[in-house]
């Protein structure tokens, strides 16, 4: 698949790259709209449950010598 892409003309590769980026941006923009339309917006309970599942990070100071 990569070889087929590299065999394209430079202008065509540019067009394909721009089209992929545009498709991704459209997906990011439209996914929020679709989420609201289909009723999949997260509730506050969902957000708090997600925060509880997130790992807790603790920093350790190693500057003290034994």
Protein backbone atom coordinates (compact mmCIF):
# COMPACT_ATOMS: atom_id res chain seq x y z
CA UNK A 1 0.00 0.00 0.00
CA UNK A 2 2.82 2.42 0.83
CA UNK A 3 4.48 1.68 -2.52
CA UNK A 4 1.26 2.54 -4.35
CA UNK A 5 1.21 5.88 -2.51
CA UNK A 6 4.84 6.69 -3.32
CA UNK A 7 4.24 5.90 -7.00
CA UNK A 8 1.70 8.72 -7.25
CA UNK A 9 2.62 12.09 -8.71
CA UNK A 10 3.65 14.70 -6.13
CA UNK A 11 0.53 16.81 -6.69
CA UNK A 12 -1.67 13.75 -6.32
CA UNK A 13 0.10 12.78 -3.07
CA UNK A 14 -0.49 16.30 -1.79
CA UNK A 15 -4.18 16.03 -2.69
CA UNK A 16 -4.50 12.66 -0.97
CA UNK A 17 -2.78 14.01 2.14
CA UNK A 18 -5.00 17.08 2.29
CA UNK A 19 -8.09 14.91 1.77
CA UNK A 20 -7.11 12.62 4.67
CA UNK A 21 -6.52 15.59 6.95
CA UNK A 22 -9.84 17.15 5.90
CA UNK A 23 -11.63 13.83 6.55
CA UNK A 24 -10.12 13.67 10.04
CA UNK A 25 -11.04 17.29 10.85
CA UNK A 26 -14.59 16.75 9.63
CA UNK A 27 -14.85 13.64 11.80
CA UNK A 28 -13.66 15.52 14.87
CA UNK A 29 -16.12 18.35 14.20
CA UNK A 30 -19.11 16.15 13.37
CA UNK A 31 -18.60 13.57 16.12
CA UNK A 32 -19.63 16.07 18.81
CA UNK A 33 -22.76 16.95 16.87
CA UNK A 34 -23.66 13.29 16.35
CA UNK A 35 -23.01 12.56 20.03
CA UNK A 36 -25.52 15.21 21.04
CA UNK A 37 -28.05 14.12 18.42
CA UNK A 38 -28.05 10.46 19.45
CA UNK A 39 -28.04 11.20 23.17
CA UNK A 40 -24.56 9.90 24.00
CA UNK A 41 -23.42 12.97 25.91
CA UNK A 42 -21.69 11.95 29.16
CA UNK A 43 -23.39 12.73 32.46
CA UNK A 44 -21.65 14.05 35.52
CA UNK A 45 -21.78 10.52 36.98
CA UNK A 46 -19.91 9.19 33.94
CA UNK A 47 -17.26 11.87 34.29
CA UNK A 48 -16.76 11.19 38.00
CA UNK A 49 -16.50 7.43 37.38
CA UNK A 50 -13.87 8.09 34.72
CA UNK A 51 -11.90 10.31 37.10
CA UNK A 52 -11.94 7.52 39.70
CA UNK A 53 -10.57 5.01 37.18
CA UNK A 54 -7.70 7.29 36.14
CA UNK A 55 -4.33 6.31 37.63
CA UNK A 56 -2.99 8.44 40.46
CA UNK A 57 0.49 9.82 39.87
CA UNK A 58 2.80 10.39 42.83
CA UNK A 59 6.12 12.13 42.39
CA UNK A 60 9.13 11.02 44.43
CA UNK A 61 11.90 13.40 45.34
CA UNK A 62 15.25 11.63 44.84
CA UNK A 63 17.47 14.54 45.84
CA UNK A 64 17.92 13.23 49.39
CA UNK A 65 20.97 11.01 49.87
CA UNK A 66 21.02 8.04 52.23
